[in-house]
Amino acid sequence: MRNFVLILPVFLTLLFISCEDVILGTDPENTPENNFNILWGEFDRYYTSFVIKGINWDSLYSVYRAQITPQISEQELWHNFENLLHELNDIHVYIFGPNGKVFFSSNRPYKPEFSLPLVKYKYLNNHYKSAGEQRFTYGRMSGDSIGYIHIVDFFGESETWVKDIDRIVQELSDVRAMIIDIRDNRGGYDENFQYIGSSFTTYTMNYCQQITRNGPNHNDFTPPVFRSLMRRENTPSFTKQIVVLTNRFTGSAAEVCALFFKLLPYSKQIGDSTSGGIGAIRGFQLPNGWLYYFPVMLNLTVEGNNIENIGVPPDICVKNTEQEIRMHFDRQLEYTLQYLSKNKKTGNKPNH
């Protein structure tokens, strides 16, 4: 069996997968029983959230293993895995079938409650710019006094696209407040978030803790390790009033981003809680060639609190509805503009 490790705090698609360590050993026999037992066993040993979610993994083994016979077809085996992993409802649990052409994700989708095209034409009056390989959309609102930056995701292995944040911050340096919109941002590479986040602080700071499964029991974890973000020297920074917009489609590394901004004394989070899938993943390959991924590491708040399956809660809860978006009304953004008009600040000094 080929067992490869990929530890990244991101929600991945197959396009962004790269092997870091490859361990080759004796390949087990490619049978339906072996494939099931290996998948179940790896989750049992490394998955992070059984206790958090209140899942009895042994009980699920009894249910789904009973459906496996030597004669089961590949399609039936795939549906068995789908049903088993669906029980976890986790944005970081997914499996790829033969040649990556078949894909299943464990998490249950949310209804669309955000529209970037709506923001562009109604709230930015079509006066916006794109940068960072189209990952940034930015412009000015409310008589040019409020800056707006939407970040699609934190993917992309290239170091070049994130550097556009320096030019964006420089262009918007004269606004009195900034909206950082990470709604519908499904995550990406932590390094990309760190580079962008460092444009909004003037000092080095811890922004979360990480723990990793390291034992046979479902609550066996390593001691926590702090993760830090360091301010980049000689680059533009924005430390005036900031509002971060989030929704239930804000996931993975974007949730870590929300944790970071929540620690800044001049920043508020408005919107809905984030997805609640804030782990780091490991990838495996079954004897039949199927690839599967799940979190083996959890990101906690800087105080050590778990938010997996919970999300990063907003300071001010405002929810959009699918119907309102269809009617060209973004309640979260409307509220944010009203909030900033009533709470005018020209700048803040960070608390060290």
Protein backbone atom coordinates (compact mmCIF):
# COMPACT_ATOMS: atom_id res chain seq x y z
CA MET A 1 0.00 0.00 0.00
CA ARG A 2 1.21 3.49 -0.78
CA ASN A 3 0.75 5.88 2.12
CA PHE A 4 1.56 9.53 1.49
CA VAL A 5 1.38 12.38 3.96
CA LEU A 6 0.19 15.85 3.15
CA ILE A 7 -0.18 18.15 6.12
CA LEU A 8 -1.64 21.49 5.09
CA PRO A 9 -4.32 23.64 6.80
CA VAL A 10 -6.37 23.84 3.64
CA PHE A 11 -9.38 22.53 1.78
CA LEU A 12 -7.81 20.97 -1.32
CA THR A 13 -8.87 19.96 -4.77
CA LEU A 14 -6.88 17.37 -6.66
CA LEU A 15 -5.16 20.06 -8.68
CA PHE A 16 -3.27 21.27 -5.62
CA ILE A 17 -2.12 17.91 -4.28
CA SER A 18 1.58 17.15 -4.04
CA CYS A 19 3.30 14.36 -2.15
CA GLU A 20 5.70 15.35 0.59
CA ASP A 21 6.60 11.94 1.99
CA VAL A 22 6.12 8.63 0.25
CA ILE A 23 6.41 5.41 2.23
CA LEU A 24 6.49 2.26 0.16
CA GLY A 25 5.81 -1.13 1.68
CA THR A 26 4.22 -4.45 0.88
CA ASP A 27 0.98 -3.87 -0.96
CA PRO A 28 -2.02 -5.54 0.72
CA GLU A 29 -4.35 -7.54 -1.44
CA ASN A 30 -6.85 -5.44 -3.37
CA THR A 31 -10.12 -6.84 -2.02
CA PRO A 32 -13.31 -5.02 -0.94
CA GLU A 33 -12.77 -6.18 2.64
CA ASN A 34 -9.17 -4.90 2.75
CA ASN A 35 -10.10 -1.57 1.21
CA PHE A 36 -12.85 -1.03 3.77
CA ASN A 37 -10.77 -2.13 6.75
CA ILE A 38 -7.82 0.06 5.74
CA LEU A 39 -9.98 3.15 5.25
CA TRP A 40 -11.87 2.60 8.50
CA GLY A 41 -8.65 1.85 10.40
CA GLU A 42 -6.79 4.95 9.21
CA PHE A 43 -9.69 7.16 10.25
CA ASP A 44 -9.80 5.37 13.61
CA ARG A 45 -6.10 6.07 14.17
CA TYR A 46 -5.76 9.63 12.88
CA TYR A 47 -9.11 11.44 12.48
CA THR A 48 -9.50 14.37 14.87
CA SER A 49 -13.19 14.95 15.49
CA PHE A 50 -14.89 11.75 16.68
CA VAL A 51 -15.22 13.07 20.23
CA ILE A 52 -16.11 16.60 19.12
CA LYS A 53 -18.90 15.34 16.87
CA GLY A 54 -20.06 12.59 19.22
CA ILE A 55 -19.52 9.87 16.61
CA ASN A 56 -19.33 6.19 17.58
CA TRP A 57 -16.90 4.96 14.93
CA ASP A 58 -17.01 1.36 16.17
CA SER A 59 -20.77 1.32 15.75
CA LEU A 60 -20.45 2.66 12.20
CA TYR A 61 -17.96 -0.11 11.47
CA SER A 62 -20.56 -2.70 12.43
CA VAL A 63 -23.17 -1.10 10.19
CA TYR A 64 -21.10 -0.57 7.06
CA ARG A 65 -18.67 -3.51 7.29
CA ALA A 66 -21.65 -5.87 7.27
CA GLN A 67 -22.47 -4.61 3.77
CA ILE A 68 -19.08 -5.65 2.36
CA THR A 69 -18.79 -9.03 0.66
CA PRO A 70 -16.16 -10.45 -1.71
CA GLN A 71 -18.70 -10.13 -4.52
CA ILE A 72 -19.57 -6.45 -3.96
CA SER A 73 -19.11 -4.35 -7.09
CA GLU A 74 -16.79 -1.34 -7.26
CA GLN A 75 -19.79 0.96 -7.60
CA GLU A 76 -21.45 -0.56 -4.55
CA LEU A 77 -18.22 -0.24 -2.58
CA TRP A 78 -18.00 3.44 -3.58
CA HIS A 79 -21.56 4.07 -2.35
CA ASN A 80 -20.71 2.27 0.90
CA PHE A 81 -17.76 4.64 1.43
CA GLU A 82 -19.92 7.64 0.54
CA ASN A 83 -22.51 6.69 3.14
CA LEU A 84 -19.89 5.99 5.80
CA LEU A 85 -18.01 9.25 5.29
CA HIS A 86 -21.24 11.23 4.99
CA GLU A 87 -21.77 10.45 8.68
CA LEU A 88 -18.80 12.73 9.49
CA ASN A 89 -20.14 15.86 7.74
CA ASP A 90 -16.64 17.34 7.50
CA ILE A 91 -15.40 19.75 4.82
CA HIS A 92 -11.93 18.15 5.02
CA VAL A 93 -13.13 14.58 4.42
CA TYR A 94 -13.25 13.55 0.78
CA ILE A 95 -12.34 10.74 -1.56
CA PHE A 96 -11.30 10.50 -5.21
CA GLY A 97 -12.14 7.49 -7.35
CA PRO A 98 -10.24 6.05 -10.31
CA ASN A 99 -8.01 8.61 -12.05
CA GLY A 100 -9.52 11.37 -9.90
CA LYS A 101 -12.59 11.46 -12.14
CA VAL A 102 -15.03 10.60 -9.34
CA PHE A 103 -15.16 12.77 -6.25
CA PHE A 104 -17.13 12.73 -3.01
CA SER A 105 -17.03 15.31 -0.20
CA SER A 106 -18.39 14.52 3.22
CA ASN A 107 -19.75 17.93 4.11
CA ARG A 108 -23.33 18.91 3.43
CA PRO A 109 -23.66 21.98 1.22
CA TYR A 110 -25.13 25.29 2.32
CA LYS A 111 -27.53 27.37 0.29
CA PRO A 112 -25.93 30.26 -1.64
CA GLU A 113 -26.06 33.39 0.50
CA PHE A 114 -23.47 35.56 -1.21
CA SER A 115 -22.93 36.94 -4.72
CA LEU A 116 -19.70 38.61 -5.75
CA PRO A 117 -21.28 39.83 -9.02
CA LEU A 118 -23.94 41.58 -6.92
CA VAL A 119 -21.25 43.34 -4.88
CA LYS A 120 -19.44 44.38 -8.04
CA TYR A 121 -22.33 46.00 -9.86
CA LYS A 122 -24.49 47.29 -6.98
CA TYR A 123 -22.14 48.17 -4.15
CA LEU A 124 -18.98 48.96 -6.12
CA ASN A 125 -20.98 50.46 -9.02
CA ASN A 126 -18.85 48.40 -11.39
CA HIS A 127 -15.83 50.49 -10.34
CA TYR A 128 -13.59 47.71 -9.12
CA LYS A 129 -10.27 46.12 -9.93
CA SER A 130 -9.02 42.56 -9.94
CA ALA A 131 -5.58 41.35 -8.91
CA GLY A 132 -3.76 38.29 -7.64
CA GLU A 133 -4.69 36.05 -10.56
CA GLN A 134 -8.33 37.16 -10.13
CA ARG A 135 -8.37 36.15 -6.46
CA PHE A 136 -8.68 39.77 -5.27
CA THR A 137 -11.60 42.04 -6.11
CA TYR A 138 -11.19 45.50 -4.62
CA GLY A 139 -12.50 49.03 -4.79
CA ARG A 140 -14.11 51.85 -2.83
CA MET A 141 -17.55 52.31 -1.29
CA SER A 142 -19.52 55.05 0.44
CA GLY A 143 -18.07 58.10 -1.29
CA ASP A 144 -14.61 56.54 -1.57
CA SER A 145 -14.18 56.52 2.23
CA ILE A 146 -14.45 52.74 2.72
CA GLY A 147 -12.16 50.25 1.03
CA TYR A 148 -13.34 46.80 0.00
CA ILE A 149 -11.29 43.66 -0.66
CA HIS A 150 -12.83 40.28 -1.46
CA ILE A 151 -10.52 37.25 -1.41
CA VAL A 152 -11.79 34.23 -3.37
CA ASP A 153 -9.45 31.70 -1.73
CA PHE A 154 -5.90 31.16 -0.47
CA PHE A 155 -4.92 28.50 -3.01
CA GLY A 156 -2.14 28.83 -5.58
CA GLU A 157 1.39 27.63 -4.99
CA SER A 158 2.88 30.64 -6.74
CA GLU A 159 4.28 33.28 -4.42
CA THR A 160 3.47 36.03 -6.88
CA TRP A 161 -0.30 36.47 -6.60
CA VAL A 162 -0.39 37.21 -2.86
CA LYS A 163 2.14 40.01 -3.30
CA ASP A 164 -0.53 42.05 -5.06
CA ILE A 165 -1.97 42.76 -1.60
CA ASP A 166 0.85 45.28 -1.12
CA ARG A 167 -0.28 47.28 -4.15
CA ILE A 168 -3.94 47.02 -3.09
CA VAL A 169 -3.24 48.27 0.42
CA GLN A 170 -1.18 51.12 -1.01
CA GLU A 171 -3.99 52.12 -3.39
CA LEU A 172 -6.55 52.09 -0.58
CA SER A 173 -4.32 53.63 2.08
CA ASP A 174 -6.35 56.85 2.26
CA VAL A 175 -9.69 55.22 3.15
CA ARG A 176 -10.86 55.54 6.73
CA ALA A 177 -12.04 51.91 7.01
CA MET A 178 -11.55 48.61 5.19
CA ILE A 179 -13.92 45.71 4.55
CA ILE A 180 -12.12 42.37 4.19
CA ASP A 181 -14.67 40.01 2.63
CA ILE A 182 -13.88 36.29 2.96
CA ARG A 183 -17.40 35.03 2.40
CA ASP A 184 -17.44 31.87 0.28
CA ASN A 185 -13.66 31.58 0.71
CA ARG A 186 -13.07 27.82 1.11
CA GLY A 187 -9.48 28.08 2.29
CA GLY A 188 -6.12 27.33 0.75
CA TYR A 189 -2.49 27.48 1.76
CA ASP A 190 -1.70 28.89 5.18
CA GLU A 191 1.38 30.70 3.83
CA ASN A 192 -0.82 32.73 1.49
CA PHE A 193 -3.10 33.80 4.32
CA GLN A 194 -0.08 34.74 6.44
CA TYR A 195 1.36 36.98 3.74
CA ILE A 196 -1.96 38.77 3.27
CA GLY A 197 -2.68 39.01 6.99
CA SER A 198 0.71 40.58 7.69
CA SER A 199 -0.43 43.64 5.73
CA PHE A 200 -2.91 44.43 8.49
CA THR A 201 -0.70 44.36 11.58
CA THR A 202 2.46 46.11 12.70
CA TYR A 203 3.71 43.48 15.12
CA THR A 204 4.32 39.73 15.37
CA MET A 205 1.48 37.85 17.01
CA ASN A 206 0.25 34.35 17.82
CA TYR A 207 -3.07 33.70 16.11
CA CYS A 208 -3.93 30.06 16.93
CA GLN A 209 -2.77 26.79 18.49
CA GLN A 210 -2.43 23.42 16.75
CA ILE A 211 -2.80 19.89 18.11
CA THR A 212 -2.31 16.59 16.24
CA ARG A 213 -3.71 13.08 16.78
CA ASN A 214 -0.91 10.95 18.19
CA GLY A 215 -2.37 7.87 19.83
CA PRO A 216 -4.90 5.03 19.54
CA ASN A 217 -7.60 6.77 21.56
CA HIS A 218 -9.83 9.25 19.78
CA ASN A 219 -8.86 11.98 22.27
CA ASP A 220 -5.08 11.41 22.06
CA PHE A 221 -3.41 14.63 20.88
CA THR A 222 0.00 16.25 21.04
CA PRO A 223 0.54 19.27 23.28
CA PRO A 224 -0.54 22.50 21.56
CA VAL A 225 1.89 24.48 19.42
CA PHE A 226 1.36 28.19 18.78
CA ARG A 227 1.29 29.51 15.23
CA SER A 228 2.59 33.02 14.66
CA LEU A 229 2.28 35.67 11.99
CA MET A 230 5.17 38.06 11.51
CA ARG A 231 4.82 41.59 10.22
CA ARG A 232 6.74 42.13 6.96
CA GLU A 233 9.09 45.10 7.03
CA ASN A 234 9.09 47.96 4.50
CA THR A 235 5.69 47.11 3.01
CA PRO A 236 2.37 48.99 3.16
CA SER A 237 0.12 48.22 6.11
CA PHE A 238 -3.44 49.13 7.05
CA THR A 239 -4.28 49.40 10.75
CA LYS A 240 -7.31 51.67 10.69
CA GLN A 241 -10.82 50.36 11.24
CA ILE A 242 -11.44 46.93 9.69
CA VAL A 243 -14.56 44.80 9.27
CA VAL A 244 -14.20 41.15 8.26
CA LEU A 245 -17.24 39.59 6.57
CA THR A 246 -17.80 35.84 7.00
CA ASN A 247 -20.51 33.30 6.27
CA ARG A 248 -21.06 29.56 6.56
CA PHE A 249 -19.10 29.05 3.33
CA THR A 250 -15.98 30.59 4.93
CA GLY A 251 -13.85 27.52 5.58
CA SER A 252 -10.50 26.04 6.48
CA ALA A 253 -7.59 28.52 6.10
CA ALA A 254 -10.15 31.32 5.73
CA GLU A 255 -11.35 30.46 9.24
CA VAL A 256 -7.78 30.76 10.52
CA CYS A 257 -7.75 34.14 8.77
CA ALA A 258 -10.89 35.10 10.70
CA LEU A 259 -9.21 34.02 13.95
CA PHE A 260 -6.29 36.32 13.18
CA PHE A 261 -8.44 39.36 12.45
CA LYS A 262 -10.52 38.71 15.58
CA LEU A 263 -7.39 39.35 17.65
CA LEU A 264 -6.77 42.81 16.16
CA PRO A 265 -8.18 45.57 18.43
CA TYR A 266 -9.31 47.64 15.42
CA SER A 267 -11.16 44.79 13.67
CA LYS A 268 -14.73 43.47 13.92
CA GLN A 269 -16.20 40.33 12.39
CA ILE A 270 -19.69 40.74 10.96
CA GLY A 271 -21.87 38.11 9.30
CA ASP A 272 -22.42 34.45 10.14
CA SER A 273 -20.21 31.89 11.86
CA THR A 274 -17.65 30.21 9.64
CA SER A 275 -17.90 26.60 8.46
CA GLY A 276 -16.30 24.93 11.47
CA GLY A 277 -13.81 22.88 9.48
CA ILE A 278 -10.47 24.22 10.57
CA GLY A 279 -8.23 21.14 10.58
CA ALA A 280 -5.16 20.15 8.60
CA ILE A 281 -5.30 17.10 6.40
CA ARG A 282 -3.45 13.89 5.61
CA GLY A 283 -3.87 11.88 2.42
CA PHE A 284 -3.90 8.12 1.87
CA GLN A 285 -4.22 5.71 -1.03
CA LEU A 286 -6.16 2.45 -0.91
CA PRO A 287 -5.01 -0.78 -2.62
CA ASN A 288 -7.58 -0.16 -5.37
CA GLY A 289 -6.02 3.26 -6.09
CA TRP A 290 -8.68 5.47 -4.53
CA LEU A 291 -7.34 8.53 -2.69
CA TYR A 292 -8.90 9.86 0.49
CA TYR A 293 -8.21 12.74 2.83
CA PHE A 294 -9.18 13.79 6.33
CA PRO A 295 -7.95 16.09 9.13
CA VAL A 296 -5.29 14.80 11.51
CA MET A 297 -4.60 18.20 13.07
CA LEU A 298 -6.88 20.78 14.68
CA ASN A 299 -6.46 24.53 14.88
CA LEU A 300 -7.65 26.00 18.18
CA THR A 301 -8.12 29.60 19.20
CA VAL A 302 -5.10 31.32 20.68
CA GLU A 303 -6.68 30.69 24.11
CA GLY A 304 -6.88 26.96 23.31
CA ASN A 305 -10.61 26.70 22.62
CA ASN A 306 -11.89 24.26 20.01
CA ILE A 307 -14.04 25.64 17.18
CA GLU A 308 -14.14 22.55 14.97
CA ASN A 309 -17.76 21.81 14.04
CA ILE A 310 -18.63 25.22 15.52
CA GLY A 311 -16.90 27.87 13.45
CA VAL A 312 -15.50 31.29 14.26
CA PRO A 313 -18.47 33.25 15.65
CA PRO A 314 -18.95 36.84 14.46
CA ASP A 315 -18.83 39.81 16.80
CA ILE A 316 -22.10 40.94 15.22
CA CYS A 317 -24.35 38.25 13.75
CA VAL A 318 -26.07 39.20 10.50
CA LYS A 319 -27.34 36.52 8.13
CA ASN A 320 -28.09 36.72 4.44
CA THR A 321 -30.80 34.63 2.86
CA GLU A 322 -30.84 33.01 -0.55
CA GLN A 323 -34.01 34.93 -1.40
CA GLU A 324 -32.47 38.30 -0.50
CA ILE A 325 -29.46 37.63 -2.72
CA ARG A 326 -31.78 36.74 -5.60
CA MET A 327 -33.53 40.07 -4.97
CA HIS A 328 -30.16 41.87 -5.21
CA PHE A 329 -29.90 42.69 -1.51
CA ASP A 330 -26.81 41.84 0.57
CA ARG A 331 -27.96 42.30 4.18
CA GLN A 332 -24.51 41.62 5.65
CA LEU A 333 -22.86 44.27 3.49
CA GLU A 334 -25.71 46.74 3.98
CA TYR A 335 -25.40 46.38 7.76
CA THR A 336 -21.61 46.76 7.57
CA LEU A 337 -21.86 50.03 5.65
CA GLN A 338 -24.37 51.37 8.18
CA TYR A 339 -22.15 50.21 11.05
CA LEU A 340 -19.10 51.95 9.62
CA SER A 341 -21.05 55.15 9.00
CA LYS A 342 -22.09 55.23 12.68
CA ASN A 343 -18.71 54.21 14.05
CA LYS A 344 -16.25 56.45 12.30
CA LYS A 345 -12.66 56.01 13.39
CA THR A 346 -9.55 57.27 11.67
CA GLY A 347 -7.16 54.76 13.14
CA ASN A 348 -6.17 52.68 16.13
CA LYS A 349 -2.99 51.84 17.89
CA PRO A 350 -2.55 48.09 18.32
CA ASN A 351 -2.30 46.58 21.79
CA HIS A 352 1.08 44.95 22.21
